[in-house]
N, C-alpha and C. Protein backbone atom coordinates (compact mmCIF):
# COMPACT_ATOMS: atom_id res chain seq x y z
N MET A 1 0.88 -1.42 0.11
CA MET A 1 0.09 0.27 -0.15
C MET A 1 1.02 1.40 -0.28
N ASN A 2 0.53 2.40 -1.24
CA ASN A 2 1.17 3.27 -0.90
C ASN A 2 1.29 4.48 0.63
N GLU A 3 2.62 4.93 0.94
CA GLU A 3 2.00 5.72 1.95
C GLU A 3 1.10 6.86 1.68
N ASP A 4 0.91 7.41 0.62
CA ASP A 4 0.06 8.71 0.30
C ASP A 4 -1.27 7.71 0.41
N SER A 5 -2.13 6.85 0.23
CA SER A 5 -2.61 6.17 0.27
C SER A 5 -3.90 6.29 1.59
N ILE A 6 -4.77 6.17 1.34
CA ILE A 6 -5.81 6.64 2.26
C ILE A 6 -6.43 5.62 2.83
N ARG A 7 -6.42 5.03 4.17
CA ARG A 7 -6.75 3.56 4.66
C ARG A 7 -7.68 3.60 5.82
N LEU A 8 -8.72 3.18 5.86
CA LEU A 8 -9.89 3.25 6.89
C LEU A 8 -9.30 1.92 7.72
N ARG A 9 -9.41 1.93 9.42
CA ARG A 9 -9.52 0.94 10.46
C ARG A 9 -11.04 1.17 11.60
N ARG A 10 -10.45 0.65 12.24
CA ARG A 10 -11.53 0.92 13.20
C ARG A 10 -10.81 1.68 14.07
N MET A 11 -11.57 2.56 14.66
CA MET A 11 -10.85 3.71 16.26
C MET A 11 -10.50 2.72 16.86
N ALA A 12 -8.98 3.42 17.64
CA ALA A 12 -8.67 3.04 18.58
C ALA A 12 -8.62 3.97 19.46
N LEU A 13 -8.51 3.50 20.84
CA LEU A 13 -7.92 4.64 22.61
C LEU A 13 -6.49 5.03 22.12
N ARG A 14 -5.73 4.81 21.09
CA ARG A 14 -4.37 5.59 20.88
C ARG A 14 -4.97 6.87 19.88
N ASP A 15 -6.11 6.74 19.39
CA ASP A 15 -6.62 7.86 18.46
C ASP A 15 -7.15 8.87 19.10
N ALA A 16 -7.01 9.05 20.35
CA ALA A 16 -8.19 9.90 21.55
C ALA A 16 -7.42 11.49 21.11
N PRO A 17 -6.03 11.60 20.97
CA PRO A 17 -5.33 13.11 21.07
C PRO A 17 -5.91 13.38 19.41
N ALA A 18 -6.17 13.09 18.15
CA ALA A 18 -5.91 12.77 16.79
C ALA A 18 -7.87 13.55 17.31
N VAL A 19 -8.78 12.40 17.48
CA VAL A 19 -9.85 12.53 17.57
C VAL A 19 -10.94 13.87 18.19
N ALA A 20 -10.19 14.46 19.26
CA ALA A 20 -10.10 15.28 19.86
C ALA A 20 -9.70 16.93 19.34
N SER A 21 -9.15 16.61 18.50
CA SER A 21 -8.13 18.11 17.92
C SER A 21 -9.14 17.94 16.71
N LEU A 22 -9.69 17.06 16.00
CA LEU A 22 -11.06 17.23 15.01
C LEU A 22 -12.29 17.61 15.60
N SER A 23 -12.06 17.20 16.62
CA SER A 23 -13.83 17.25 17.23
C SER A 23 -13.93 18.80 17.21
N GLY A 24 -12.79 19.54 17.76
CA GLY A 24 -12.42 21.02 18.04
C GLY A 24 -13.18 21.64 16.37
N GLU A 25 -12.26 20.92 15.51
CA GLU A 25 -12.53 21.84 13.79
C GLU A 25 -14.61 21.62 13.38
N LEU A 26 -14.66 20.46 14.29
CA LEU A 26 -16.31 20.33 14.51
C LEU A 26 -16.93 21.72 14.85
N GLY A 27 -16.47 22.48 15.70
CA GLY A 27 -17.34 23.00 17.12
C GLY A 27 -17.24 22.51 18.42
N TYR A 28 -16.82 21.24 18.55
CA TYR A 28 -16.85 20.48 19.64
C TYR A 28 -14.91 20.30 20.71
N PRO A 29 -14.76 21.66 21.28
CA PRO A 29 -13.12 21.51 21.85
C PRO A 29 -13.60 20.29 22.67
N THR A 30 -12.31 19.31 23.04
CA THR A 30 -12.48 19.05 24.61
C THR A 30 -10.89 18.48 24.12
N ASP A 31 -10.92 17.75 25.62
CA ASP A 31 -9.34 17.48 25.76
C ASP A 31 -8.88 16.29 25.32
N ASN A 32 -7.91 15.86 25.51
CA ASN A 32 -7.39 14.10 25.22
C ASN A 32 -7.82 13.44 26.25
N ALA A 33 -7.49 13.90 27.41
CA ALA A 33 -8.48 12.97 28.69
C ALA A 33 -9.91 12.74 28.56
N ARG A 34 -10.44 13.79 28.56
CA ARG A 34 -11.79 13.80 28.30
C ARG A 34 -12.26 12.62 26.51
N MET A 35 -11.52 12.80 25.85
CA MET A 35 -11.73 12.07 24.71
C MET A 35 -11.52 10.60 24.54
N LEU A 36 -10.31 10.15 26.11
CA LEU A 36 -9.97 8.98 25.86
C LEU A 36 -10.85 8.54 26.81
N ALA A 37 -11.71 8.59 27.58
CA ALA A 37 -12.73 9.13 28.49
C ALA A 37 -14.02 8.06 27.41
N ARG A 38 -14.02 9.14 26.74
CA ARG A 38 -15.46 8.68 26.15
C ARG A 38 -14.79 7.45 25.08
N LEU A 39 -13.67 7.28 24.81
CA LEU A 39 -13.56 6.19 23.35
C LEU A 39 -13.36 5.25 24.81
N THR A 40 -13.19 5.11 25.43
CA THR A 40 -13.16 3.67 26.43
C THR A 40 -14.20 3.40 26.54
N ALA A 41 -15.37 4.52 27.25
CA ALA A 41 -16.61 3.85 26.89
C ALA A 41 -17.41 3.80 25.75
N LEU A 42 -17.02 3.36 24.82
CA LEU A 42 -18.06 3.42 23.97
C LEU A 42 -17.03 2.39 22.67
N LEU A 43 -15.84 2.39 22.78
CA LEU A 43 -15.23 1.60 21.22
C LEU A 43 -15.82 0.03 21.82
N ASP A 44 -15.95 -1.02 22.52
CA ASP A 44 -16.07 -1.89 22.89
C ASP A 44 -17.67 -2.12 22.57
N ARG A 45 -18.63 -1.35 22.72
CA ARG A 45 -19.79 -1.49 22.54
C ARG A 45 -20.12 -2.03 21.09
N GLU A 46 -20.80 -3.20 21.38
CA GLU A 46 -21.45 -3.60 20.05
C GLU A 46 -22.47 -2.94 19.39
N ASP A 47 -23.39 -1.52 19.75
CA ASP A 47 -24.46 -0.96 19.02
C ASP A 47 -23.45 0.47 18.74
N HIS A 48 -22.60 0.48 18.62
CA HIS A 48 -21.47 1.58 18.84
C HIS A 48 -20.41 0.93 17.78
N ALA A 49 -20.34 2.11 16.56
CA ALA A 49 -19.13 2.03 15.81
C ALA A 49 -18.62 3.03 15.52
N ALA A 50 -16.52 3.14 15.22
CA ALA A 50 -15.71 4.25 15.16
C ALA A 50 -15.33 4.10 14.23
N PHE A 51 -14.43 4.72 13.55
CA PHE A 51 -13.41 4.86 11.87
C PHE A 51 -13.00 5.65 11.82
N VAL A 52 -11.37 5.71 11.90
CA VAL A 52 -10.86 6.66 11.37
C VAL A 52 -10.47 6.48 9.40
N ALA A 53 -10.05 7.69 9.26
CA ALA A 53 -9.54 7.30 8.04
C ALA A 53 -7.45 8.32 8.47
N CYS A 54 -6.88 7.49 7.17
CA CYS A 54 -5.48 7.73 7.82
C CYS A 54 -4.76 7.94 6.64
N ARG A 55 -4.00 8.54 6.86
CA ARG A 55 -2.74 8.60 5.38
C ARG A 55 -1.48 8.20 6.60
N GLY A 56 -1.11 7.19 6.24
CA GLY A 56 0.09 6.79 7.10
C GLY A 56 -0.54 6.86 8.23
N GLU A 57 0.60 7.38 9.32
CA GLU A 57 -0.32 7.81 10.47
C GLU A 57 -0.95 8.66 11.38
N THR A 58 -1.14 9.31 10.31
CA THR A 58 -1.96 10.73 10.12
C THR A 58 -3.46 10.70 10.31
N VAL A 59 -4.36 10.63 11.69
CA VAL A 59 -5.64 10.65 10.88
C VAL A 59 -5.97 11.43 10.77
N LEU A 60 -6.52 11.46 9.10
CA LEU A 60 -7.21 12.53 8.31
C LEU A 60 -8.98 13.11 8.60
N GLY A 61 -9.26 11.94 9.37
CA GLY A 61 -10.82 11.72 9.96
C GLY A 61 -11.49 11.04 10.19
N TRP A 62 -12.52 11.18 11.23
CA TRP A 62 -13.59 10.17 11.78
C TRP A 62 -14.60 9.84 11.79
N SER A 63 -15.54 9.27 12.06
CA SER A 63 -17.12 8.86 12.21
C SER A 63 -17.17 8.44 13.00
N HIS A 64 -18.35 8.48 13.65
CA HIS A 64 -19.44 7.56 14.91
C HIS A 64 -20.78 7.39 14.35
N ALA A 65 -21.43 5.57 14.51
CA ALA A 65 -22.33 6.15 14.24
C ALA A 65 -22.91 4.67 15.46
N PHE A 66 -24.11 4.99 15.67
CA PHE A 66 -24.62 3.67 17.22
C PHE A 66 -26.15 3.51 16.51
N ILE A 67 -27.05 2.72 17.11
CA ILE A 67 -27.98 2.50 16.49
C ILE A 67 -28.64 2.89 17.62
N CYS A 68 -30.44 2.78 17.07
CA CYS A 68 -31.36 3.97 18.11
C CYS A 68 -32.19 3.24 17.47
N GLN A 69 -33.06 2.63 18.74
CA GLN A 69 -34.20 2.06 18.66
C GLN A 69 -34.90 2.48 20.02
N PHE A 70 -36.39 2.75 19.45
CA PHE A 70 -37.15 3.97 19.70
C PHE A 70 -38.42 2.94 19.91
N VAL A 71 -39.46 3.48 20.91
CA VAL A 71 -40.45 2.60 20.66
C VAL A 71 -41.76 3.02 19.33
N GLU A 72 -41.46 4.29 18.87
CA GLU A 72 -42.08 4.46 17.95
C GLU A 72 -41.90 4.08 16.33
N SER A 73 -40.28 3.49 16.82
CA SER A 73 -40.44 3.43 14.84
C SER A 73 -39.04 1.70 14.50
N ASP A 74 -38.93 1.77 13.45
CA ASP A 74 -37.92 0.79 13.72
C ASP A 74 -36.52 1.31 14.28
N ALA A 75 -35.55 0.43 14.50
CA ALA A 75 -34.21 0.99 14.91
C ALA A 75 -33.92 1.40 13.36
N PHE A 76 -32.83 2.17 13.90
CA PHE A 76 -31.61 2.72 12.77
C PHE A 76 -30.67 3.01 13.01
N VAL A 77 -29.40 3.48 12.06
CA VAL A 77 -28.20 3.77 12.35
C VAL A 77 -27.61 4.58 12.22
N GLU A 78 -27.45 6.09 13.38
CA GLU A 78 -27.41 7.45 13.43
C GLU A 78 -25.75 7.46 13.44
N ILE A 79 -25.25 8.45 12.33
CA ILE A 79 -24.52 9.57 12.64
C ILE A 79 -24.40 10.23 13.22
N GLY A 80 -23.07 9.56 14.72
CA GLY A 80 -23.27 11.19 15.82
C GLY A 80 -22.11 12.02 15.50
N GLY A 81 -21.48 11.43 14.53
CA GLY A 81 -19.64 12.28 14.12
C GLY A 81 -19.48 12.04 13.14
N LEU A 82 -19.09 13.37 12.05
CA LEU A 82 -18.06 12.95 11.11
C LEU A 82 -17.51 14.27 10.78
N VAL A 83 -16.24 14.28 11.15
CA VAL A 83 -15.00 15.38 10.63
C VAL A 83 -14.14 14.70 9.60
N VAL A 84 -13.85 15.71 8.94
CA VAL A 84 -12.60 15.71 8.22
C VAL A 84 -11.56 16.43 8.13
N ASN A 85 -10.06 16.86 8.59
CA ASN A 85 -9.29 17.87 8.61
C ASN A 85 -9.55 18.38 7.17
N GLU A 86 -9.78 20.23 7.45
CA GLU A 86 -10.07 21.01 6.39
C GLU A 86 -8.88 20.27 5.39
N SER A 87 -7.68 20.48 5.59
CA SER A 87 -6.74 19.93 4.48
C SER A 87 -7.40 18.75 3.77
N ALA A 88 -7.35 17.78 4.03
CA ALA A 88 -8.15 16.39 3.43
C ALA A 88 -9.65 16.78 2.72
N ARG A 89 -10.20 17.95 2.75
CA ARG A 89 -11.54 17.84 2.31
C ARG A 89 -11.25 17.76 0.92
N GLY A 90 -12.24 17.24 0.02
CA GLY A 90 -12.28 17.16 -1.16
C GLY A 90 -11.32 15.61 -1.60
N LEU A 91 -10.78 14.85 -1.13
CA LEU A 91 -10.27 14.07 -1.36
C LEU A 91 -10.71 12.27 -1.11
N GLY A 92 -12.08 12.39 -0.81
CA GLY A 92 -13.21 10.86 -0.28
C GLY A 92 -13.03 10.75 0.42
N VAL A 93 -12.20 11.21 1.56
CA VAL A 93 -12.05 11.33 2.65
C VAL A 93 -13.49 10.80 3.51
N GLY A 94 -14.32 12.14 3.30
CA GLY A 94 -15.82 11.92 3.99
C GLY A 94 -16.81 10.55 3.38
N GLY A 95 -16.18 10.97 2.21
CA GLY A 95 -17.53 9.38 1.50
C GLY A 95 -17.39 8.20 1.94
N THR A 96 -15.75 7.82 2.40
CA THR A 96 -14.95 6.72 2.73
C THR A 96 -15.97 6.42 4.13
N LEU A 97 -15.62 7.56 5.23
CA LEU A 97 -16.06 7.48 6.42
C LEU A 97 -17.81 6.95 6.11
N VAL A 98 -18.08 7.46 5.24
CA VAL A 98 -20.26 7.10 5.34
C VAL A 98 -19.66 5.98 5.17
N GLU A 99 -19.57 5.50 3.93
CA GLU A 99 -19.55 4.18 3.01
C GLU A 99 -19.34 2.68 4.67
N ALA A 100 -18.12 3.22 5.34
CA ALA A 100 -17.70 2.59 6.73
C ALA A 100 -19.12 2.28 7.39
N ILE A 101 -19.93 3.59 7.58
CA ILE A 101 -20.45 3.13 8.20
C ILE A 101 -21.62 2.95 7.72
N THR A 102 -21.95 3.04 6.75
CA THR A 102 -23.22 2.51 5.56
C THR A 102 -22.92 0.79 5.54
N ASP A 103 -22.08 0.42 5.89
CA ASP A 103 -21.68 -1.23 5.63
C ASP A 103 -21.82 -1.81 6.88
N TRP A 104 -20.75 -0.78 8.27
CA TRP A 104 -21.74 -1.40 9.17
C TRP A 104 -23.33 -1.79 9.49
N ALA A 105 -23.85 -0.81 9.62
CA ALA A 105 -25.46 -0.79 9.30
C ALA A 105 -26.11 -1.97 8.92
N ARG A 106 -25.55 -2.08 7.49
CA ARG A 106 -26.21 -3.46 6.97
C ARG A 106 -26.22 -4.29 8.17
N THR A 107 -24.84 -4.80 8.31
CA THR A 107 -24.38 -6.28 9.01
C THR A 107 -25.43 -5.85 10.42
N GLN A 108 -25.82 -4.74 10.82
CA GLN A 108 -26.51 -4.40 12.45
C GLN A 108 -28.22 -4.94 11.78
N GLY A 109 -28.83 -4.98 10.33
CA GLY A 109 -29.63 -5.19 10.02
C GLY A 109 -30.92 -4.30 10.11
N VAL A 110 -30.59 -3.00 10.01
CA VAL A 110 -31.40 -2.12 9.62
C VAL A 110 -30.99 -1.78 8.94
N ALA A 111 -32.81 -0.89 8.24
CA ALA A 111 -33.07 -0.52 7.01
C ALA A 111 -32.26 0.94 6.83
N GLU A 112 -31.83 1.98 7.72
CA GLU A 112 -31.80 2.95 7.45
C GLU A 112 -30.73 3.83 8.02
N VAL A 113 -29.71 4.51 7.87
CA VAL A 113 -28.89 5.65 8.12
C VAL A 113 -29.43 7.00 8.16
N ARG A 114 -29.20 7.50 9.55
CA ARG A 114 -29.54 9.12 9.09
C ARG A 114 -28.39 10.35 10.77
N VAL A 115 -28.82 10.73 9.54
CA VAL A 115 -27.55 11.98 10.70
C VAL A 115 -28.42 13.17 10.99
N ARG A 116 -28.18 14.03 11.94
CA ARG A 116 -28.58 15.77 11.97
C ARG A 116 -27.26 15.84 11.62
N SER A 117 -27.88 17.17 10.92
CA SER A 117 -26.63 18.68 10.51
C SER A 117 -26.83 20.00 11.14
N ASN A 118 -26.03 20.50 11.71
CA ASN A 118 -26.56 21.79 12.29
C ASN A 118 -27.28 22.55 10.95
N ILE A 119 -28.09 23.27 11.25
CA ILE A 119 -28.76 24.08 10.06
C ILE A 119 -27.63 24.84 9.37
N LYS A 120 -26.46 25.78 9.98
CA LYS A 120 -25.89 26.62 9.60
C LYS A 120 -24.76 25.37 8.71
N ARG A 121 -24.49 24.38 8.71
CA ARG A 121 -23.35 23.79 7.67
C ARG A 121 -23.82 23.60 6.56
N ASP A 122 -24.08 24.56 5.54
CA ASP A 122 -24.54 23.93 4.10
C ASP A 122 -23.67 22.83 3.41
N ARG A 123 -22.35 23.03 3.60
CA ARG A 123 -21.82 22.25 3.08
C ARG A 123 -21.77 20.73 3.26
N ALA A 124 -21.94 20.39 4.66
CA ALA A 124 -22.57 19.12 4.83
C ALA A 124 -23.82 19.09 4.69
N HIS A 125 -24.46 19.78 4.46
CA HIS A 125 -25.88 19.10 3.71
C HIS A 125 -25.69 19.10 2.68
N ALA A 126 -25.20 19.55 1.42
CA ALA A 126 -24.49 19.06 0.26
C ALA A 126 -23.80 18.23 -0.04
N PHE A 127 -23.01 17.44 1.36
CA PHE A 127 -21.90 16.27 1.03
C PHE A 127 -22.85 15.29 1.25
N TYR A 128 -23.89 15.18 2.00
CA TYR A 128 -24.67 14.23 2.32
C TYR A 128 -25.68 13.76 1.87
N LYS A 129 -26.49 15.28 1.14
CA LYS A 129 -27.53 15.04 -0.09
C LYS A 129 -26.47 14.16 -1.19
N SER A 130 -25.41 14.60 -2.01
CA SER A 130 -24.56 13.70 -2.60
C SER A 130 -24.43 12.39 -2.50
N ARG A 131 -24.91 12.19 -1.31
CA ARG A 131 -24.36 10.95 -1.01
C ARG A 131 -25.97 10.26 -0.74
N GLY A 132 -27.22 10.06 -1.29
CA GLY A 132 -28.31 9.64 -1.09
C GLY A 132 -28.80 9.76 0.27
N PHE A 133 -28.21 11.09 1.06
CA PHE A 133 -29.30 11.21 2.20
C PHE A 133 -30.33 12.26 1.52
N VAL A 134 -31.50 12.42 2.31
CA VAL A 134 -32.37 12.46 1.95
C VAL A 134 -33.07 13.70 3.53
N GLU A 135 -33.41 15.21 3.35
CA GLU A 135 -33.96 15.63 4.13
C GLU A 135 -35.08 15.17 4.45
N THR A 136 -35.68 15.00 5.94
CA THR A 136 -36.60 15.10 6.52
C THR A 136 -37.56 15.51 7.21
N LYS A 137 -36.66 16.30 7.69
CA LYS A 137 -37.84 17.34 8.90
C LYS A 137 -36.50 18.16 9.11
N LEU A 138 -36.71 19.27 10.11
CA LEU A 138 -36.22 20.05 10.76
C LEU A 138 -37.16 19.78 11.79
N GLN A 139 -35.89 20.16 12.96
CA GLN A 139 -36.25 19.97 14.64
C GLN A 139 -35.57 20.97 15.59
N ARG A 140 -36.30 21.45 16.52
CA ARG A 140 -35.14 21.72 17.59
C ARG A 140 -35.20 21.16 18.63
N VAL A 141 -33.90 20.75 18.81
CA VAL A 141 -33.12 20.55 20.32
C VAL A 141 -33.30 21.07 21.18
N PHE A 142 -33.46 20.30 22.36
CA PHE A 142 -33.44 21.09 23.53
C PHE A 142 -32.58 20.11 24.39
N ALA A 143 -32.45 20.30 25.39
CA ALA A 143 -31.42 20.12 26.33
C ALA A 143 -31.71 21.02 27.98
N ARG A 144 -31.66 19.36 29.24
CA ARG A 144 -31.62 19.92 29.79
C ARG A 144 -30.42 19.77 30.90
N PRO A 145 -29.49 20.22 31.33
CA PRO A 145 -28.18 20.18 32.12
C PRO A 145 -28.83 19.50 33.48
N LEU A 146 -28.11 18.36 33.68
CA LEU A 146 -28.60 18.19 35.16
C LEU A 146 -27.35 17.85 36.15
N LEU A 147 -26.14 18.44 35.78
CA LEU A 147 -25.32 18.63 36.54
C LEU A 147 -24.83 20.05 37.33
N ARG A 148 -24.61 20.52 37.95
CA ARG A 148 -25.12 21.54 38.85
C ARG A 148 -23.54 22.51 38.51
N GLN A 149 -23.28 23.54 38.21
CA GLN A 149 -22.32 24.77 38.00
C GLN A 149 -21.83 24.68 39.01
N GLU A 150 -19.74 25.27 38.48
CA GLU A 150 -19.62 25.04 39.55
C GLU A 150 -19.60 26.54 40.39
N ASN A 151 -20.56 27.41 39.89
CA ASN A 151 -20.66 28.52 40.36
C ASN A 151 -21.19 28.18 41.42
N ASP A 152 -22.94 27.11 40.97
CA ASP A 152 -23.67 26.66 42.22
C ASP A 152 -23.06 26.10 43.05
N GLU A 153 -22.65 25.71 43.10
CA GLU A 153 -21.74 25.08 44.09
C GLU A 153 -20.74 25.18 45.08
N ALA A 154 -20.01 26.50 44.66
CA ALA A 154 -19.13 27.57 45.43
C ALA A 154 -20.32 28.31 46.10
N ASN A 155 -21.14 28.71 46.05
CA ASN A 155 -22.41 29.83 46.48
C ASN A 155 -22.97 28.52 47.22
N ASP A 156 -23.23 27.71 47.63
CA ASP A 156 -23.63 26.35 48.39
C ASP A 156 -23.49 26.70 50.09
N GLY A 157 -22.42 26.79 50.05
CA GLY A 157 -21.34 26.68 51.27
C GLY A 157 -21.66 25.82 52.49
N ALA A 158 -21.10 25.54 53.80
CA ALA A 158 -21.89 24.75 54.36
C ALA A 158 -22.95 24.93 55.24
N ALA A 159 -23.68 24.13 55.16
CA ALA A 159 -24.93 24.12 56.10
C ALA A 159 -25.20 24.68 57.19
């Protein structure tokens, strides 16, 4: 295999620094320790799959997907994240990562792969549409934080 060729493999714990760095490019900055903890929790799960695309030892991009099972619908695979280093965009890395997820989804016996993409990511929308994804709905995402903020804890003091 040519050193310049792009190869795909399953994500490993040793990829945590590169995955953390690329997550920052996606808009989700994190540190290496936190990423290592996340990967430790996810990589051995049978209902999750994560891949990296590399040139030599350099990680150019990653993808992560998981099986979703809801009461109201049949199971499907959702792409939880996919990012390609800015310098490697347009080289087919993203498409290769999507195909890896699609192939894994087929082995899971699901009939659909879904992805959510922020409304402001026009390039990502075009990317997914060019790979056969169809926009099915718009929605709002609501979050309810469960961990107390450090400020609240500092204000509690001793009772």
